[in-house]
Amino acid sequence: MLTVPEVFDQSEEDGLVLLLQDRPDPALRAQLHTAVALCPAGAITVTDGPA
C-alpha cells in the first residue's frame, strides 16, 4: 500500500486492501506492478486494458 498510496490503502480494522482508484493514471503503471510484486498475500492484481 505504501508503494502507491494514492491508489491503495489498508483498513486499520481488518488489514484488508482498499482500492481508492479503480482506473489510476497510466503514469503509475510501473509503481502498480511493483505493488503487485511486493504484496505478500497476492491480494493485488493489475489488468492493463483499454481506458
N, C-alpha and C. Protein backbone atom coordinates (compact mmCIF):
# COMPACT_ATOMS: atom_id res chain seq x y z
N MET A 1 0.81 -1.17 0.00
CA MET A 1 0.00 0.00 0.00
C MET A 1 0.87 1.25 0.00
N LEU A 2 2.02 1.14 0.63
CA LEU A 2 2.90 2.30 0.67
C LEU A 2 3.52 2.60 -0.69
N THR A 3 3.53 1.60 -1.57
CA THR A 3 4.13 1.80 -2.89
C THR A 3 3.34 2.79 -3.73
N VAL A 4 2.01 2.73 -3.66
CA VAL A 4 1.15 3.63 -4.43
C VAL A 4 -0.01 4.07 -3.53
N PRO A 5 0.26 4.94 -2.55
CA PRO A 5 -0.76 5.31 -1.58
C PRO A 5 -1.95 6.07 -2.16
N GLU A 6 -1.77 6.66 -3.35
CA GLU A 6 -2.90 7.34 -3.96
C GLU A 6 -3.89 6.36 -4.60
N VAL A 7 -3.50 5.10 -4.72
CA VAL A 7 -4.35 4.07 -5.33
C VAL A 7 -4.82 3.05 -4.30
N PHE A 8 -3.95 2.67 -3.37
CA PHE A 8 -4.28 1.65 -2.38
C PHE A 8 -4.15 2.17 -0.96
N ASP A 9 -4.96 1.62 -0.09
CA ASP A 9 -4.85 1.87 1.34
C ASP A 9 -5.09 0.54 2.03
N GLN A 10 -4.99 0.53 3.33
CA GLN A 10 -5.23 -0.69 4.09
C GLN A 10 -6.11 -0.37 5.28
N SER A 11 -7.14 -1.17 5.46
CA SER A 11 -8.07 -0.98 6.56
C SER A 11 -7.36 -1.20 7.89
N GLU A 12 -7.52 -0.25 8.80
CA GLU A 12 -6.93 -0.40 10.13
C GLU A 12 -7.66 -1.47 10.94
N GLU A 13 -8.94 -1.69 10.63
CA GLU A 13 -9.74 -2.67 11.38
C GLU A 13 -9.34 -4.10 11.08
N ASP A 14 -9.26 -4.45 9.80
CA ASP A 14 -9.03 -5.85 9.45
C ASP A 14 -7.84 -6.09 8.53
N GLY A 15 -7.14 -5.03 8.14
CA GLY A 15 -5.95 -5.18 7.31
C GLY A 15 -6.21 -5.42 5.84
N LEU A 16 -7.47 -5.39 5.41
CA LEU A 16 -7.79 -5.62 4.01
C LEU A 16 -7.33 -4.45 3.14
N VAL A 17 -6.95 -4.78 1.91
CA VAL A 17 -6.56 -3.77 0.95
C VAL A 17 -7.80 -3.00 0.51
N LEU A 18 -7.68 -1.69 0.46
CA LEU A 18 -8.75 -0.82 -0.02
C LEU A 18 -8.32 -0.18 -1.33
N LEU A 19 -9.14 -0.29 -2.33
CA LEU A 19 -8.86 0.33 -3.62
C LEU A 19 -9.44 1.73 -3.63
N LEU A 20 -8.59 2.72 -3.80
CA LEU A 20 -9.02 4.12 -3.79
C LEU A 20 -9.35 4.63 -5.19
N GLN A 21 -8.71 4.04 -6.21
CA GLN A 21 -8.94 4.43 -7.61
C GLN A 21 -9.03 3.16 -8.44
N ASP A 22 -10.12 2.99 -9.17
CA ASP A 22 -10.21 1.78 -9.99
C ASP A 22 -9.61 1.97 -11.39
N ARG A 23 -9.33 3.21 -11.76
CA ARG A 23 -8.66 3.49 -13.03
C ARG A 23 -7.57 4.54 -12.79
N PRO A 24 -6.47 4.11 -12.17
CA PRO A 24 -5.40 5.07 -11.86
C PRO A 24 -4.71 5.59 -13.11
N ASP A 25 -4.04 6.69 -12.94
CA ASP A 25 -3.29 7.33 -14.01
C ASP A 25 -2.30 6.33 -14.61
N PRO A 26 -2.25 6.22 -15.93
CA PRO A 26 -1.29 5.31 -16.57
C PRO A 26 0.16 5.58 -16.20
N ALA A 27 0.45 6.80 -15.77
CA ALA A 27 1.82 7.13 -15.36
C ALA A 27 2.25 6.33 -14.14
N LEU A 28 1.28 5.75 -13.41
CA LEU A 28 1.58 4.96 -12.21
C LEU A 28 1.79 3.48 -12.52
N ARG A 29 1.76 3.11 -13.79
CA ARG A 29 1.81 1.70 -14.18
C ARG A 29 2.97 0.94 -13.54
N ALA A 30 4.17 1.46 -13.62
CA ALA A 30 5.33 0.77 -13.07
C ALA A 30 5.19 0.59 -11.55
N GLN A 31 4.71 1.62 -10.86
CA GLN A 31 4.51 1.53 -9.42
C GLN A 31 3.43 0.51 -9.07
N LEU A 32 2.38 0.43 -9.89
CA LEU A 32 1.32 -0.54 -9.64
C LEU A 32 1.85 -1.97 -9.76
N HIS A 33 2.67 -2.21 -10.77
CA HIS A 33 3.23 -3.55 -10.95
C HIS A 33 4.21 -3.88 -9.82
N THR A 34 4.89 -2.89 -9.29
CA THR A 34 5.75 -3.10 -8.13
C THR A 34 4.90 -3.48 -6.91
N ALA A 35 3.77 -2.81 -6.73
CA ALA A 35 2.87 -3.14 -5.62
C ALA A 35 2.38 -4.57 -5.72
N VAL A 36 2.07 -5.03 -6.93
CA VAL A 36 1.65 -6.42 -7.14
C VAL A 36 2.76 -7.37 -6.68
N ALA A 37 3.98 -7.09 -7.12
CA ALA A 37 5.11 -7.96 -6.79
C ALA A 37 5.42 -7.98 -5.29
N LEU A 38 5.18 -6.86 -4.61
CA LEU A 38 5.52 -6.76 -3.19
C LEU A 38 4.42 -7.24 -2.25
N CYS A 39 3.21 -7.43 -2.74
CA CYS A 39 2.09 -7.81 -1.88
C CYS A 39 2.28 -9.24 -1.38
N PRO A 40 2.52 -9.43 -0.08
CA PRO A 40 2.81 -10.77 0.44
C PRO A 40 1.62 -11.73 0.36
N ALA A 41 0.43 -11.20 0.32
CA ALA A 41 -0.76 -12.06 0.27
C ALA A 41 -1.23 -12.31 -1.16
N GLY A 42 -0.62 -11.64 -2.12
CA GLY A 42 -1.06 -11.79 -3.51
C GLY A 42 -2.45 -11.22 -3.73
N ALA A 43 -2.82 -10.24 -2.92
CA ALA A 43 -4.17 -9.67 -2.96
C ALA A 43 -4.36 -8.61 -4.04
N ILE A 44 -3.28 -8.22 -4.69
CA ILE A 44 -3.36 -7.14 -5.68
C ILE A 44 -3.07 -7.72 -7.07
N THR A 45 -3.92 -7.37 -8.02
CA THR A 45 -3.67 -7.69 -9.42
C THR A 45 -3.89 -6.42 -10.23
N VAL A 46 -3.23 -6.35 -11.36
CA VAL A 46 -3.37 -5.21 -12.26
C VAL A 46 -3.70 -5.76 -13.63
N THR A 47 -4.72 -5.21 -14.24
CA THR A 47 -5.09 -5.57 -15.60
C THR A 47 -4.88 -4.37 -16.49
N ASP A 48 -4.00 -4.50 -17.45
CA ASP A 48 -3.77 -3.42 -18.40
C ASP A 48 -4.78 -3.60 -19.51
N GLY A 49 -5.60 -2.60 -19.71
CA GLY A 49 -6.63 -2.71 -20.73
C GLY A 49 -7.01 -1.36 -21.26
N PRO A 50 -8.04 -1.33 -22.09
CA PRO A 50 -8.49 -0.06 -22.65
C PRO A 50 -9.01 0.87 -21.57
N ALA A 51 -8.85 2.13 -21.77
CA ALA A 51 -9.30 3.14 -20.80
C ALA A 51 -10.79 3.27 -20.77
